[in-house]
C-alpha atoms as a PDB file:
ATOM      1  CA  UNK A   1       0.000   0.000   0.000  1.00  0.00           C
ATOM      2  CA  UNK A   2       1.010   3.553  -0.540  1.00  0.00           C
ATOM      3  CA  UNK A   3       2.197   5.364   2.585  1.00  0.00           C
ATOM      4  CA  UNK A   4       2.848   8.625   0.766  1.00  0.00           C
ATOM      5  CA  UNK A   5      -0.690   9.948   0.756  1.00  0.00           C
ATOM      6  CA  UNK A   6      -1.650   8.905  -2.773  1.00  0.00           C
ATOM      7  CA  UNK A   7      -5.324   8.250  -3.419  1.00  0.00           C
ATOM      8  CA  UNK A   8      -7.685   6.977  -6.105  1.00  0.00           C
ATOM      9  CA  UNK A   9     -11.054   8.672  -6.665  1.00  0.00           C
ATOM     10  CA  UNK A  10     -13.776   6.757  -8.486  1.00  0.00           C
ATOM     11  CA  UNK A  11     -17.017   8.516  -9.378  1.00  0.00           C
ATOM     12  CA  UNK A  12     -20.359   7.691 -10.971  1.00  0.00           C
ATOM     13  CA  UNK A  13     -23.685   9.289 -11.820  1.00  0.00           C
ATOM     14  CA  UNK A  14     -25.912   9.705  -8.768  1.00  0.00           C
ATOM     15  CA  UNK A  15     -28.753   7.728 -10.408  1.00  0.00           C
ATOM     16  CA  UNK A  16     -26.552   4.809 -11.579  1.00  0.00           C
ATOM     17  CA  UNK A  17     -27.918   1.997  -9.396  1.00  0.00           C
ATOM     18  CA  UNK A  18     -25.440  -0.586 -10.648  1.00  0.00           C
ATOM     19  CA  UNK A  19     -22.459   1.646  -9.900  1.00  0.00           C
ATOM     20  CA  UNK A  20     -23.924   2.525  -6.496  1.00  0.00           C
ATOM     21  CA  UNK A  21     -24.245  -1.158  -5.571  1.00  0.00           C
ATOM     22  CA  UNK A  22     -20.702  -1.813  -6.751  1.00  0.00           C
ATOM     23  CA  UNK A  23     -19.317   1.083  -4.721  1.00  0.00           C
ATOM     24  CA  UNK A  24     -21.227  -0.033  -1.631  1.00  0.00           C
ATOM     25  CA  UNK A  25     -19.821  -3.537  -1.987  1.00  0.00           C
ATOM     26  CA  UNK A  26     -16.289  -2.231  -2.432  1.00  0.00           C
ATOM     27  CA  UNK A  27     -16.548   0.150   0.528  1.00  0.00           C
ATOM     28  CA  UNK A  28     -17.795  -2.684   2.745  1.00  0.00           C
ATOM     29  CA  UNK A  29     -15.017  -5.022   1.636  1.00  0.00           C
ATOM     30  CA  UNK A  30     -12.305  -2.422   2.193  1.00  0.00           C
ATOM     31  CA  UNK A  31     -13.472  -2.010   5.778  1.00  0.00           C
ATOM     32  CA  UNK A  32     -13.490  -5.786   6.287  1.00  0.00           C
ATOM     33  CA  UNK A  33     -10.097  -6.101   4.600  1.00  0.00           C
ATOM     34  CA  UNK A  34      -8.580  -3.559   6.978  1.00  0.00           C
ATOM     35  CA  UNK A  35      -9.809  -5.575   9.942  1.00  0.00           C
ATOM     36  CA  UNK A  36      -8.507  -8.895   8.608  1.00  0.00           C
ATOM     37  CA  UNK A  37      -5.201  -7.939   7.039  1.00  0.00           C
ATOM     38  CA  UNK A  38      -6.116  -8.516   3.382  1.00  0.00           C
ATOM     39  CA  UNK A  39      -3.669  -6.803   1.004  1.00  0.00           C
ATOM     40  CA  UNK A  40      -5.672  -4.087  -0.719  1.00  0.00           C
ATOM     41  CA  UNK A  41      -6.323  -0.356  -0.538  1.00  0.00           C
ATOM     42  CA  UNK A  42      -7.779   1.452   2.456  1.00  0.00           C
ATOM     43  CA  UNK A  43     -11.087   3.295   2.340  1.00  0.00           C
ATOM     44  CA  UNK A  44     -10.775   7.055   2.861  1.00  0.00           C
ATOM     45  CA  UNK A  45     -14.311   8.273   2.092  1.00  0.00           C
ATOM     46  CA  UNK A  46     -17.478   7.067   0.409  1.00  0.00           C
ATOM     47  CA  UNK A  47     -20.592   8.943  -0.743  1.00  0.00           C
ATOM     48  CA  UNK A  48     -23.336   6.478  -1.693  1.00  0.00           C
ATOM     49  CA  UNK A  49     -25.976   9.103  -2.484  1.00  0.00           C
ATOM     50  CA  UNK A  50     -24.167  11.788  -4.455  1.00  0.00           C
ATOM     51  CA  UNK A  51     -25.607  14.481  -2.204  1.00  0.00           C
ATOM     52  CA  UNK A  52     -22.264  15.530  -0.739  1.00  0.00           C
ATOM     53  CA  UNK A  53     -19.995  15.195  -3.776  1.00  0.00           C
ATOM     54  CA  UNK A  54     -22.592  15.817  -6.503  1.00  0.00           C
ATOM     55  CA  UNK A  55     -21.914  12.269  -7.739  1.00  0.00           C
ATOM     56  CA  UNK A  56     -21.322   8.799  -6.366  1.00  0.00           C
ATOM     57  CA  UNK A  57     -17.776   8.821  -5.044  1.00  0.00           C
ATOM     58  CA  UNK A  58     -15.356   6.347  -3.511  1.00  0.00           C
ATOM     59  CA  UNK A  59     -11.928   7.516  -2.356  1.00  0.00           C
ATOM     60  CA  UNK A  60      -9.261   4.983  -1.408  1.00  0.00           C
ATOM     61  CA  UNK A  61      -5.512   4.748  -0.963  1.00  0.00           C
ATOM     62  CA  UNK A  62      -3.216   3.571  -3.727  1.00  0.00           C
ATOM     63  CA  UNK A  63      -1.899   0.014  -3.893  1.00  0.00           C
ATOM     64  CA  UNK A  64       1.685   0.233  -5.112  1.00  0.00           C
ATOM     65  CA  UNK A  65       2.787  -2.002  -7.965  1.00  0.00           C
ATOM     66  CA  UNK A  66       1.998  -2.986 -11.524  1.00  0.00           C
ATOM     67  CA  UNK A  67      -0.844  -5.032 -12.977  1.00  0.00           C
ATOM     68  CA  UNK A  68       1.019  -5.829 -16.203  1.00  0.00           C
ATOM     69  CA  UNK A  69       1.019  -9.561 -16.796  1.00  0.00           C
ATOM     70  CA  UNK A  70       4.380 -11.144 -17.670  1.00  0.00           C
ATOM     71  CA  UNK A  71       4.722 -13.455 -20.642  1.00  0.00           C
ATOM     72  CA  UNK A  72       6.286 -16.045 -18.363  1.00  0.00           C
ATOM     73  CA  UNK A  73       5.330 -16.460 -14.723  1.00  0.00           C
ATOM     74  CA  UNK A  74       7.783 -17.584 -12.090  1.00  0.00           C
ATOM     75  CA  UNK A  75       6.825 -20.390  -9.701  1.00  0.00           C
ATOM     76  CA  UNK A  76       7.377 -17.884  -6.883  1.00  0.00           C
ATOM     77  CA  UNK A  77       4.805 -15.439  -8.243  1.00  0.00           C
ATOM     78  CA  UNK A  78       2.279 -18.188  -8.894  1.00  0.00           C
ATOM     79  CA  UNK A  79       2.591 -19.447  -5.325  1.00  0.00           C
ATOM     80  CA  UNK A  80       2.211 -15.850  -4.101  1.00  0.00           C
ATOM     81  CA  UNK A  81      -0.968 -15.488  -6.192  1.00  0.00           C
ATOM     82  CA  UNK A  82      -2.423 -18.566  -4.521  1.00  0.00           C
ATOM     83  CA  UNK A  83      -1.257 -17.528  -1.065  1.00  0.00           C
ATOM     84  CA  UNK A  84      -2.774 -14.065  -1.434  1.00  0.00           C
ATOM     85  CA  UNK A  85      -6.095 -15.612  -2.420  1.00  0.00           C
ATOM     86  CA  UNK A  86      -5.991 -17.743   0.729  1.00  0.00           C
ATOM     87  CA  UNK A  87      -5.880 -14.553   2.824  1.00  0.00           C
ATOM     88  CA  UNK A  88      -9.343 -13.615   1.541  1.00  0.00           C
ATOM     89  CA  UNK A  89     -10.836 -16.871   2.673  1.00  0.00           C
ATOM     90  CA  UNK A  90      -9.821 -16.412   6.289  1.00  0.00           C
ATOM     91  CA  UNK A  91     -12.607 -13.835   6.603  1.00  0.00           C
ATOM     92  CA  UNK A  92     -15.639 -15.628   8.087  1.00  0.00           C
ATOM     93  CA  UNK A  93     -19.187 -15.219   6.849  1.00  0.00           C
ATOM     94  CA  UNK A  94     -20.099 -13.711  10.224  1.00  0.00           C
ATOM     95  CA  UNK A  95     -18.107 -10.590   9.258  1.00  0.00           C
ATOM     96  CA  UNK A  96     -20.079 -10.205   6.033  1.00  0.00           C
ATOM     97  CA  UNK A  97     -23.683  -9.854   7.175  1.00  0.00           C
ATOM     98  CA  UNK A  98     -25.884  -8.376   4.475  1.00  0.00           C
ATOM     99  CA  UNK A  99     -23.477  -8.958   1.601  1.00  0.00           C
ATOM    100  CA  UNK A 100     -24.726 -10.713  -1.537  1.00  0.00           C
ATOM    101  CA  UNK A 101     -24.335 -14.457  -1.933  1.00  0.00           C
ATOM    102  CA  UNK A 102     -22.094 -15.323  -4.894  1.00  0.00           C
ATOM    103  CA  UNK A 103     -22.400 -18.624  -6.741  1.00  0.00           C
ATOM    104  CA  UNK A 104     -20.198 -17.873  -9.765  1.00  0.00           C
ATOM    105  CA  UNK A 105     -17.538 -15.380 -10.833  1.00  0.00           C
ATOM    106  CA  UNK A 106     -18.594 -12.001 -12.281  1.00  0.00           C
ATOM    107  CA  UNK A 107     -22.154 -12.738 -11.273  1.00  0.00           C
ATOM    108  CA  UNK A 108     -23.515  -9.534 -12.779  1.00  0.00           C
ATOM    109  CA  UNK A 109     -22.733 -10.703 -16.328  1.00  0.00           C
ATOM    110  CA  UNK A 110     -25.121 -13.177 -17.985  1.00  0.00           C
ATOM    111  CA  UNK A 111     -22.724 -15.517 -19.765  1.00  0.00           C
ATOM    112  CA  UNK A 112     -25.520 -18.036 -20.333  1.00  0.00           C
ATOM    113  CA  UNK A 113     -27.328 -15.432 -22.429  1.00  0.00           C
ATOM    114  CA  UNK A 114     -24.118 -14.851 -24.399  1.00  0.00           C
ATOM    115  CA  UNK A 115     -23.973 -18.573 -25.145  1.00  0.00           C
ATOM    116  CA  UNK A 116     -27.554 -18.484 -26.390  1.00  0.00           C
ATOM    117  CA  UNK A 117     -26.909 -15.438 -28.572  1.00  0.00           C
ATOM    118  CA  UNK A 118     -23.487 -16.359 -29.934  1.00  0.00           C
ATOM    119  CA  UNK A 119     -23.917 -20.108 -30.047  1.00  0.00           C
ATOM    120  CA  UNK A 120     -22.133 -22.553 -27.793  1.00  0.00           C
ATOM    121  CA  UNK A 121     -19.895 -25.494 -28.567  1.00  0.00           C
ATOM    122  CA  UNK A 122     -20.874 -29.019 -27.544  1.00  0.00           C
ATOM    123  CA  UNK A 123     -18.291 -28.737 -24.781  1.00  0.00           C
ATOM    124  CA  UNK A 124     -19.902 -25.627 -23.290  1.00  0.00           C
ATOM    125  CA  UNK A 125     -23.380 -27.171 -23.590  1.00  0.00           C
ATOM    126  CA  UNK A 126     -22.166 -30.279 -21.753  1.00  0.00           C
ATOM    127  CA  UNK A 127     -20.630 -28.090 -19.053  1.00  0.00           C
ATOM    128  CA  UNK A 128     -23.892 -26.179 -18.592  1.00  0.00           C
ATOM    129  CA  UNK A 129     -25.771 -29.443 -18.202  1.00  0.00           C
ATOM    130  CA  UNK A 130     -23.252 -30.797 -15.704  1.00  0.00           C
ATOM    131  CA  UNK A 131     -23.598 -27.718 -13.498  1.00  0.00           C
ATOM    132  CA  UNK A 132     -27.389 -27.561 -13.844  1.00  0.00           C
ATOM    133  CA  UNK A 133     -27.835 -31.091 -12.507  1.00  0.00           C
ATOM    134  CA  UNK A 134     -25.870 -30.324  -9.333  1.00  0.00           C
ATOM    135  CA  UNK A 135     -26.718 -28.168  -6.354  1.00  0.00           C
ATOM    136  CA  UNK A 136     -24.376 -25.277  -5.593  1.00  0.00           C
ATOM    137  CA  UNK A 137     -22.029 -26.559  -2.863  1.00  0.00           C
ATOM    138  CA  UNK A 138     -22.530 -25.020   0.564  1.00  0.00           C
ATOM    139  CA  UNK A 139     -19.759 -25.941   2.951  1.00  0.00           C
ATOM    140  CA  UNK A 140     -17.794 -23.057   4.471  1.00  0.00           C
ATOM    141  CA  UNK A 141     -18.856 -19.722   2.956  1.00  0.00           C
ATOM    142  CA  UNK A 142     -16.767 -16.616   3.511  1.00  0.00           C
ATOM    143  CA  UNK A 143     -15.459 -13.623   1.610  1.00  0.00           C
ATOM    144  CA  UNK A 144     -14.932 -14.109  -2.123  1.00  0.00           C
ATOM    145  CA  UNK A 145     -13.532 -11.520  -4.510  1.00  0.00           C
ATOM    146  CA  UNK A 146     -15.735 -12.714  -7.336  1.00  0.00           C
ATOM    147  CA  UNK A 147     -13.570 -11.423 -10.215  1.00  0.00           C
ATOM    148  CA  UNK A 148     -10.066 -12.688  -9.581  1.00  0.00           C
ATOM    149  CA  UNK A 149      -7.630 -12.441 -12.453  1.00  0.00           C
ATOM    150  CA  UNK A 150      -4.175 -10.938 -12.739  1.00  0.00           C
ATOM    151  CA  UNK A 151      -5.581  -7.668 -14.077  1.00  0.00           C
ATOM    152  CA  UNK A 152      -7.160  -7.144 -10.645  1.00  0.00           C
ATOM    153  CA  UNK A 153      -3.872  -7.617  -8.792  1.00  0.00           C
ATOM    154  CA  UNK A 154      -0.813  -5.419  -8.304  1.00  0.00           C
ATOM    155  CA  UNK A 155       2.777  -6.671  -8.070  1.00  0.00           C
ATOM    156  CA  UNK A 156       6.225  -5.509  -7.020  1.00  0.00           C
ATOM    157  CA  UNK A 157       8.338  -8.004  -8.947  1.00  0.00           C
ATOM    158  CA  UNK A 158       7.214 -11.432  -7.732  1.00  0.00           C
ATOM    159  CA  UNK A 159       5.635  -9.994  -4.565  1.00  0.00           C
ATOM    160  CA  UNK A 160       1.872  -9.562  -4.544  1.00  0.00           C
ATOM    161  CA  UNK A 161       1.080  -5.995  -3.397  1.00  0.00           C
ATOM    162  CA  UNK A 162      -2.663  -6.405  -3.255  1.00  0.00           C
ATOM    163  CA  UNK A 163      -6.052  -7.021  -4.845  1.00  0.00           C
ATOM    164  CA  UNK A 164      -8.287  -4.338  -6.380  1.00  0.00           C
ATOM    165  CA  UNK A 165     -11.777  -3.961  -7.905  1.00  0.00           C
ATOM    166  CA  UNK A 166     -14.109  -5.541  -5.345  1.00  0.00           C
ATOM    167  CA  UNK A 167     -17.484  -4.743  -6.920  1.00  0.00           C
ATOM    168  CA  UNK A 168     -18.207  -8.458  -7.576  1.00  0.00           C
ATOM    169  CA  UNK A 169     -17.313  -9.502  -4.022  1.00  0.00           C
ATOM    170  CA  UNK A 170     -19.676 -11.198  -1.620  1.00  0.00           C
ATOM    171  CA  UNK A 171     -20.227 -14.331   0.422  1.00  0.00           C
ATOM    172  CA  UNK A 172     -19.366 -17.594  -1.291  1.00  0.00           C
ATOM    173  CA  UNK A 173     -17.422 -20.832  -1.262  1.00  0.00           C
ATOM    174  CA  UNK A 174     -13.602 -20.618  -1.408  1.00  0.00           C
ATOM    175  CA  UNK A 175     -13.578 -22.799  -4.519  1.00  0.00           C
ATOM    176  CA  UNK A 176     -15.169 -19.973  -6.505  1.00  0.00           C
ATOM    177  CA  UNK A 177     -12.042 -17.810  -6.204  1.00  0.00           C
ATOM    178  CA  UNK A 178      -9.586 -20.708  -6.363  1.00  0.00           C
ATOM    179  CA  UNK A 179     -11.073 -21.897  -9.649  1.00  0.00           C
ATOM    180  CA  UNK A 180     -10.914 -18.333 -10.966  1.00  0.00           C
ATOM    181  CA  UNK A 181      -7.163 -18.046 -10.384  1.00  0.00           C
ATOM    182  CA  UNK A 182      -6.606 -21.554 -11.731  1.00  0.00           C
ATOM    183  CA  UNK A 183      -8.424 -20.674 -14.959  1.00  0.00           C
ATOM    184  CA  UNK A 184      -6.626 -17.334 -15.110  1.00  0.00           C
ATOM    185  CA  UNK A 185      -3.220 -19.019 -14.885  1.00  0.00           C
ATOM    186  CA  UNK A 186      -4.262 -21.581 -17.506  1.00  0.00           C
ATOM    187  CA  UNK A 187      -5.312 -18.773 -19.868  1.00  0.00           C
ATOM    188  CA  UNK A 188      -2.251 -16.609 -19.292  1.00  0.00           C
ATOM    189  CA  UNK A 189       0.485 -19.250 -19.084  1.00  0.00           C
ATOM    190  CA  UNK A 190      -0.953 -22.672 -19.973  1.00  0.00           C
ATOM    191  CA  UNK A 191      -2.388 -25.611 -18.052  1.00  0.00           C
ATOM    192  CA  UNK A 192       1.027 -26.751 -16.853  1.00  0.00           C
ATOM    193  CA  UNK A 193       1.194 -23.830 -14.412  1.00  0.00           C
ATOM    194  CA  UNK A 194      -2.117 -24.426 -12.638  1.00  0.00           C
ATOM    195  CA  UNK A 195      -0.635 -26.771 -10.046  1.00  0.00           C
ATOM    196  CA  UNK A 196       1.746 -24.084  -8.752  1.00  0.00           C
ATOM    197  CA  UNK A 197      -0.959 -21.524  -7.982  1.00  0.00           C
ATOM    198  CA  UNK A 198      -3.099 -24.214  -6.350  1.00  0.00           C
ATOM    199  CA  UNK A 199      -0.161 -25.353  -4.211  1.00  0.00           C
ATOM    200  CA  UNK A 200       0.413 -21.784  -3.048  1.00  0.00           C
ATOM    201  CA  UNK A 201      -3.206 -21.510  -1.986  1.00  0.00           C
ATOM    202  CA  UNK A 202      -3.220 -24.807  -0.123  1.00  0.00           C
ATOM    203  CA  UNK A 203       0.042 -24.137   1.699  1.00  0.00           C
ATOM    204  CA  UNK A 204      -0.991 -20.660   2.851  1.00  0.00           C
ATOM    205  CA  UNK A 205      -4.438 -21.811   3.908  1.00  0.00           C
ATOM    206  CA  UNK A 206      -3.231 -24.895   5.752  1.00  0.00           C
ATOM    207  CA  UNK A 207      -5.433 -27.095   3.576  1.00  0.00           C
ATOM    208  CA  UNK A 208      -4.832 -30.411   1.865  1.00  0.00           C
ATOM    209  CA  UNK A 209      -7.525 -29.862  -0.782  1.00  0.00           C
ATOM    210  CA  UNK A 210     -10.148 -27.458  -2.071  1.00  0.00           C
ATOM    211  CA  UNK A 211     -13.646 -28.838  -1.659  1.00  0.00           C
ATOM    212  CA  UNK A 212     -15.678 -29.337  -4.861  1.00  0.00           C
ATOM    213  CA  UNK A 213     -12.834 -27.999  -7.001  1.00  0.00           C
ATOM    214  CA  UNK A 214     -13.898 -29.802 -10.184  1.00  0.00           C
ATOM    215  CA  UNK A 215     -17.351 -28.210  -9.917  1.00  0.00           C
ATOM    216  CA  UNK A 216     -15.909 -24.743  -9.394  1.00  0.00           C
ATOM    217  CA  UNK A 217     -13.432 -25.185 -12.256  1.00  0.00           C
ATOM    218  CA  UNK A 218     -16.365 -25.879 -14.577  1.00  0.00           C
ATOM    219  CA  UNK A 219     -18.252 -22.866 -13.225  1.00  0.00           C
ATOM    220  CA  UNK A 220     -15.187 -20.649 -13.741  1.00  0.00           C
ATOM    221  CA  UNK A 221     -14.826 -21.764 -17.355  1.00  0.00           C
ATOM    222  CA  UNK A 222     -18.538 -21.081 -17.925  1.00  0.00           C
ATOM    223  CA  UNK A 223     -17.975 -17.563 -16.566  1.00  0.00           C
ATOM    224  CA  UNK A 224     -16.295 -16.592 -19.827  1.00  0.00           C
ATOM    225  CA  UNK A 225     -17.922 -15.643 -23.122  1.00  0.00           C
ATOM    226  CA  UNK A 226     -18.206 -18.439 -25.692  1.00  0.00           C
ATOM    227  CA  UNK A 227     -16.143 -16.298 -28.059  1.00  0.00           C
ATOM    228  CA  UNK A 228     -13.220 -15.038 -26.019  1.00  0.00           C
ATOM    229  CA  UNK A 229     -12.697 -11.971 -28.199  1.00  0.00           C
ATOM    230  CA  UNK A 230     -14.602 -10.034 -25.511  1.00  0.00           C
ATOM    231  CA  UNK A 231     -11.707 -10.638 -23.119  1.00  0.00           C
ATOM    232  CA  UNK A 232      -8.863 -10.102 -25.578  1.00  0.00           C
ATOM    233  CA  UNK A 233      -8.679  -6.312 -25.298  1.00  0.00           C
ATOM    234  CA  UNK A 234      -8.538  -6.313 -21.495  1.00  0.00           C
ATOM    235  CA  UNK A 235      -5.837  -8.987 -21.483  1.00  0.00           C
ATOM    236  CA  UNK A 236      -3.759  -7.290 -24.150  1.00  0.00           C
ATOM    237  CA  UNK A 237      -4.083  -3.965 -22.313  1.00  0.00           C
ATOM    238  CA  UNK A 238      -2.274  -5.644 -19.419  1.00  0.00           C
ATOM    239  CA  UNK A 239       0.693  -6.381 -21.660  1.00  0.00           C
ATOM    240  CA  UNK A 240      -0.176  -9.784 -23.078  1.00  0.00           C
ATOM    241  CA  UNK A 241      -0.451  -8.865 -26.735  1.00  0.00           C
ATOM    242  CA  UNK A 242       0.690 -12.380 -27.600  1.00  0.00           C
ATOM    243  CA  UNK A 243      -2.646 -13.806 -26.452  1.00  0.00           C
ATOM    244  CA  UNK A 244      -5.305 -13.860 -29.155  1.00  0.00           C
ATOM    245  CA  UNK A 245      -8.835 -15.225 -29.313  1.00  0.00           C
ATOM    246  CA  UNK A 246      -7.951 -18.715 -30.665  1.00  0.00           C
ATOM    247  CA  UNK A 247      -5.289 -19.209 -27.988  1.00  0.00           C
ATOM    248  CA  UNK A 248      -7.606 -18.160 -25.171  1.00  0.00           C
ATOM    249  CA  UNK A 249     -10.452 -20.343 -26.416  1.00  0.00           C
ATOM    250  CA  UNK A 250      -8.148 -23.347 -26.829  1.00  0.00           C
ATOM    251  CA  UNK A 251      -6.732 -22.928 -23.324  1.00  0.00           C
ATOM    252  CA  UNK A 252     -10.191 -22.358 -21.800  1.00  0.00           C
ATOM    253  CA  UNK A 253     -11.563 -25.468 -23.471  1.00  0.00           C
ATOM    254  CA  UNK A 254      -8.573 -27.568 -22.386  1.00  0.00           C
ATOM    255  CA  UNK A 255      -9.110 -26.453 -18.794  1.00  0.00           C
ATOM    256  CA  UNK A 256     -12.841 -27.163 -19.041  1.00  0.00           C
ATOM    257  CA  UNK A 257     -12.413 -30.661 -20.509  1.00  0.00           C
ATOM    258  CA  UNK A 258     -10.103 -31.621 -17.661  1.00  0.00           C
ATOM    259  CA  UNK A 259     -12.562 -30.254 -15.103  1.00  0.00           C
ATOM    260  CA  UNK A 260     -15.509 -32.129 -16.633  1.00  0.00           C
ATOM    261  CA  UNK A 261     -13.549 -35.380 -16.600  1.00  0.00           C
ATOM    262  CA  UNK A 262     -12.862 -34.927 -12.882  1.00  0.00           C
ATOM    263  CA  UNK A 263     -16.418 -33.892 -12.150  1.00  0.00           C
ATOM    264  CA  UNK A 264     -17.932 -36.974 -13.743  1.00  0.00           C
END
């Protein structure tokens, strides 16, 4: 975090209900994060009505570091990614009263509708069916970020500085976030690197496994558009101009096939 007084101001129209809900979620999480030692920014001020600032406003401290994604990830950084995610899941549900329940990543986006509009491969259809025939696991809910990928993290070399962009956060199962970072690593670096980020999570959390991980891996893969071109710009803006739509779709589908095999 920045100790030099730097700050980030985010604003929105006073009548933008979606932005207001996102700001409220983020403000709540930043307070919880401060109490539980999660690496992120600190809340300075928040106006949820727009009456004081003339607009919705959220002011927070700066998290030092870069969000640019390297072409090659070190095992050290992957373990740190997993370990940082474990810090989120030490926050109990009792500290999150009133926050939304989350059952998939980026819950505000209707990826199922995108599959209907754009057309879905047999693999994606099979994945939808596999999830639909199972109840959402409910074991040990706690804080989940809800949109974990490297673009929402900041780094000082191989050291994780913190997480940002909490508007999708809520109460959910740890596997939701773990599957998100596993898919993210598979997309950015290939399936061979997934084990390292998972190992970092398990070691930091004192766990020997992640419950229902195959289910959550499938859910994470379904929380992407059928045509990954919608994600290409954001990924390339973070420095990975080598990653194109065919590569992302191939890596997503490889990850999903492996998850479906384990699930069944």
